[in-house]
Each structure stands twice: as structure tokens, then as C-alpha cells.
Amino acid sequence: MIVPVPALVITLRHAETRKGSPLTESEVLALRDNAPSIAMPRAEAANFIEARGYSDIDPRSCWEDWQRVRLQLP
């Protein structure tokens, strides 16, 4: 399993804050595609994600998930 580190939600939030306006779909997908990631066995990934303490957005539906999550962030 490929796990983005840091989590995509953190990467996108930082980029949007730095930009000062909502990210475009192209920007979100480019950030996803270039995000540092670690390949690990599924069980290890599940433990890693659980230890992180929060859920990330799914890279396969990154744009849609980001649109939903970004409205819930403080």
C-alpha cells in the first residue's frame, strides 16, 4: 500500500493556506501526484494510519474528498 507522508490532507491544507485561495483541481491532483509517499504492507499501513490519529483523504478520489474535507477544517 502507498501511504502519503505527510498525509494528503495536511499537504493540501498547507498549500491552500500558502496560496490564500482554494486550490484548483489541477493543483490538488499535482500535489497528490508529487506527494512524498512510503510503500508498505497493508497491515503495517493500517497500523501507521491508526497511530497517526486521524484519517487522510483517499488518493483515488482526492479532488472530491478535498472539497468535502476542506469545508470542515478550522
N, C-alpha and C. Protein backbone atom coordinates (compact mmCIF):
# COMPACT_ATOMS: atom_id res chain seq x y z
N MET A 1 0.86 -1.17 0.00
CA MET A 1 0.00 0.00 0.00
C MET A 1 0.90 1.24 0.00
N ILE A 2 0.51 2.26 -0.73
CA ILE A 2 1.24 3.52 -0.80
C ILE A 2 0.59 4.50 0.17
N VAL A 3 1.38 5.03 1.09
CA VAL A 3 0.87 5.95 2.11
C VAL A 3 1.58 7.29 1.98
N PRO A 4 0.83 8.37 1.67
CA PRO A 4 1.45 9.69 1.61
C PRO A 4 1.92 10.14 3.00
N VAL A 5 3.14 10.67 3.06
CA VAL A 5 3.69 11.17 4.32
C VAL A 5 4.37 12.50 4.02
N PRO A 6 3.87 13.61 4.52
CA PRO A 6 2.74 13.71 5.42
C PRO A 6 1.42 13.39 4.71
N ALA A 7 0.37 13.27 5.50
CA ALA A 7 -0.95 12.97 4.95
C ALA A 7 -1.34 14.00 3.89
N LEU A 8 -2.08 13.55 2.88
CA LEU A 8 -2.52 14.47 1.82
C LEU A 8 -3.32 15.63 2.37
N VAL A 9 -4.14 15.38 3.36
CA VAL A 9 -4.96 16.46 3.91
C VAL A 9 -4.07 17.57 4.48
N ILE A 10 -2.94 17.21 5.07
CA ILE A 10 -2.00 18.20 5.61
C ILE A 10 -1.32 18.95 4.46
N THR A 11 -0.88 18.20 3.46
CA THR A 11 -0.21 18.81 2.30
C THR A 11 -1.13 19.79 1.59
N LEU A 12 -2.38 19.39 1.37
CA LEU A 12 -3.33 20.26 0.67
C LEU A 12 -3.70 21.48 1.50
N ARG A 13 -3.89 21.27 2.78
CA ARG A 13 -4.23 22.40 3.67
C ARG A 13 -3.11 23.43 3.66
N HIS A 14 -1.88 22.96 3.77
CA HIS A 14 -0.73 23.86 3.76
C HIS A 14 -0.64 24.64 2.44
N ALA A 15 -0.84 23.93 1.33
CA ALA A 15 -0.76 24.58 0.01
C ALA A 15 -1.86 25.61 -0.15
N GLU A 16 -3.06 25.29 0.31
CA GLU A 16 -4.17 26.23 0.17
C GLU A 16 -3.96 27.45 1.07
N THR A 17 -3.45 27.24 2.25
CA THR A 17 -3.16 28.36 3.15
C THR A 17 -2.09 29.26 2.55
N ARG A 18 -1.05 28.65 2.01
CA ARG A 18 0.03 29.41 1.39
C ARG A 18 -0.48 30.19 0.18
N LYS A 19 -1.36 29.57 -0.60
CA LYS A 19 -1.90 30.22 -1.80
C LYS A 19 -2.85 31.36 -1.43
N GLY A 20 -3.61 31.18 -0.36
CA GLY A 20 -4.55 32.21 0.07
C GLY A 20 -5.89 32.14 -0.62
N SER A 21 -6.12 31.07 -1.35
CA SER A 21 -7.41 30.86 -2.02
C SER A 21 -7.55 29.36 -2.29
N PRO A 22 -8.77 28.92 -2.63
CA PRO A 22 -8.96 27.50 -2.87
C PRO A 22 -8.07 26.96 -3.99
N LEU A 23 -7.59 25.75 -3.79
CA LEU A 23 -6.81 25.08 -4.82
C LEU A 23 -7.71 24.67 -5.97
N THR A 24 -7.18 24.65 -7.16
CA THR A 24 -7.91 24.15 -8.32
C THR A 24 -7.77 22.63 -8.36
N GLU A 25 -8.58 22.00 -9.16
CA GLU A 25 -8.48 20.55 -9.30
C GLU A 25 -7.10 20.16 -9.81
N SER A 26 -6.58 20.89 -10.76
CA SER A 26 -5.24 20.60 -11.30
C SER A 26 -4.18 20.70 -10.22
N GLU A 27 -4.28 21.70 -9.37
CA GLU A 27 -3.31 21.85 -8.28
C GLU A 27 -3.40 20.70 -7.28
N VAL A 28 -4.61 20.32 -6.93
CA VAL A 28 -4.81 19.21 -5.99
C VAL A 28 -4.22 17.93 -6.57
N LEU A 29 -4.51 17.64 -7.83
CA LEU A 29 -4.01 16.41 -8.44
C LEU A 29 -2.49 16.44 -8.59
N ALA A 30 -1.92 17.59 -8.89
CA ALA A 30 -0.46 17.69 -8.99
C ALA A 30 0.20 17.47 -7.64
N LEU A 31 -0.38 18.04 -6.59
CA LEU A 31 0.15 17.82 -5.25
C LEU A 31 0.05 16.35 -4.86
N ARG A 32 -1.05 15.72 -5.18
CA ARG A 32 -1.22 14.29 -4.91
C ARG A 32 -0.17 13.47 -5.66
N ASP A 33 -0.01 13.77 -6.93
CA ASP A 33 0.91 13.00 -7.76
C ASP A 33 2.37 13.16 -7.35
N ASN A 34 2.70 14.27 -6.72
CA ASN A 34 4.08 14.54 -6.32
C ASN A 34 4.31 14.43 -4.81
N ALA A 35 3.30 13.95 -4.09
CA ALA A 35 3.42 13.85 -2.63
C ALA A 35 4.43 12.76 -2.24
N PRO A 36 5.30 13.06 -1.28
CA PRO A 36 6.20 12.02 -0.77
C PRO A 36 5.35 10.89 -0.17
N SER A 37 5.72 9.67 -0.47
CA SER A 37 4.94 8.52 -0.02
C SER A 37 5.85 7.36 0.35
N ILE A 38 5.30 6.46 1.14
CA ILE A 38 6.02 5.27 1.56
C ILE A 38 5.20 4.05 1.14
N ALA A 39 5.87 3.08 0.53
CA ALA A 39 5.22 1.81 0.21
C ALA A 39 5.41 0.88 1.41
N MET A 40 4.32 0.28 1.87
CA MET A 40 4.40 -0.65 3.00
C MET A 40 3.31 -1.69 2.90
N PRO A 41 3.50 -2.83 3.56
CA PRO A 41 2.46 -3.84 3.56
C PRO A 41 1.15 -3.28 4.14
N ARG A 42 0.05 -3.79 3.66
CA ARG A 42 -1.27 -3.26 4.06
C ARG A 42 -1.45 -3.24 5.58
N ALA A 43 -1.07 -4.30 6.28
CA ALA A 43 -1.23 -4.35 7.74
C ALA A 43 -0.39 -3.28 8.42
N GLU A 44 0.82 -3.09 7.94
CA GLU A 44 1.69 -2.06 8.50
C GLU A 44 1.12 -0.67 8.22
N ALA A 45 0.58 -0.48 7.03
CA ALA A 45 -0.04 0.80 6.68
C ALA A 45 -1.23 1.09 7.59
N ALA A 46 -2.04 0.09 7.85
CA ALA A 46 -3.20 0.27 8.73
C ALA A 46 -2.75 0.70 10.13
N ASN A 47 -1.70 0.08 10.65
CA ASN A 47 -1.17 0.46 11.96
C ASN A 47 -0.61 1.87 11.94
N PHE A 48 0.09 2.21 10.88
CA PHE A 48 0.67 3.55 10.73
C PHE A 48 -0.42 4.62 10.72
N ILE A 49 -1.46 4.37 9.95
CA ILE A 49 -2.57 5.33 9.84
C ILE A 49 -3.31 5.45 11.16
N GLU A 50 -3.52 4.34 11.84
CA GLU A 50 -4.19 4.37 13.14
C GLU A 50 -3.36 5.15 14.16
N ALA A 51 -2.06 4.94 14.16
CA ALA A 51 -1.17 5.64 15.09
C ALA A 51 -1.14 7.15 14.82
N ARG A 52 -1.36 7.53 13.58
CA ARG A 52 -1.36 8.95 13.21
C ARG A 52 -2.49 9.68 13.93
N GLY A 53 -3.60 8.99 14.14
CA GLY A 53 -4.68 9.57 14.93
C GLY A 53 -5.75 10.30 14.14
N TYR A 54 -5.64 10.35 12.85
CA TYR A 54 -6.68 10.99 12.03
C TYR A 54 -6.69 10.36 10.65
N SER A 55 -7.80 10.47 9.98
CA SER A 55 -7.94 9.89 8.65
C SER A 55 -7.40 10.84 7.60
N ASP A 56 -6.93 10.26 6.53
CA ASP A 56 -6.48 11.05 5.39
C ASP A 56 -7.53 10.93 4.29
N ILE A 57 -7.39 11.72 3.25
CA ILE A 57 -8.27 11.58 2.10
C ILE A 57 -7.72 10.49 1.19
N ASP A 58 -8.59 9.90 0.43
CA ASP A 58 -8.23 8.80 -0.47
C ASP A 58 -7.58 9.38 -1.73
N PRO A 59 -6.37 8.96 -2.06
CA PRO A 59 -5.71 9.48 -3.26
C PRO A 59 -6.51 9.22 -4.54
N ARG A 60 -7.31 8.15 -4.55
CA ARG A 60 -8.08 7.82 -5.76
C ARG A 60 -9.25 8.78 -5.98
N SER A 61 -9.72 9.41 -4.92
CA SER A 61 -10.81 10.39 -5.04
C SER A 61 -10.40 11.70 -4.36
N CYS A 62 -9.16 12.06 -4.57
CA CYS A 62 -8.53 13.18 -3.88
C CYS A 62 -9.31 14.49 -4.05
N TRP A 63 -9.66 14.84 -5.26
CA TRP A 63 -10.35 16.10 -5.51
C TRP A 63 -11.69 16.16 -4.79
N GLU A 64 -12.48 15.12 -4.95
CA GLU A 64 -13.80 15.08 -4.33
C GLU A 64 -13.70 15.10 -2.80
N ASP A 65 -12.80 14.28 -2.27
CA ASP A 65 -12.61 14.23 -0.82
C ASP A 65 -12.13 15.58 -0.28
N TRP A 66 -11.21 16.21 -0.99
CA TRP A 66 -10.69 17.50 -0.54
C TRP A 66 -11.80 18.54 -0.51
N GLN A 67 -12.69 18.54 -1.48
CA GLN A 67 -13.79 19.51 -1.50
C GLN A 67 -14.68 19.36 -0.27
N ARG A 68 -14.87 18.13 0.17
CA ARG A 68 -15.70 17.88 1.35
C ARG A 68 -14.95 18.22 2.63
N VAL A 69 -13.70 17.77 2.74
CA VAL A 69 -12.93 17.92 3.98
C VAL A 69 -12.54 19.38 4.23
N ARG A 70 -12.16 20.09 3.20
CA ARG A 70 -11.65 21.46 3.41
C ARG A 70 -12.68 22.37 4.06
N LEU A 71 -13.96 22.08 3.85
CA LEU A 71 -15.02 22.90 4.45
C LEU A 71 -15.18 22.60 5.94
N GLN A 72 -14.65 21.48 6.39
CA GLN A 72 -14.78 21.07 7.80
C GLN A 72 -13.56 21.49 8.63
N LEU A 73 -12.51 21.95 7.97
CA LEU A 73 -11.29 22.33 8.68
C LEU A 73 -11.44 23.73 9.28
N PRO A 74 -10.83 23.94 10.46
CA PRO A 74 -10.92 25.27 11.09
C PRO A 74 -10.14 26.32 10.32
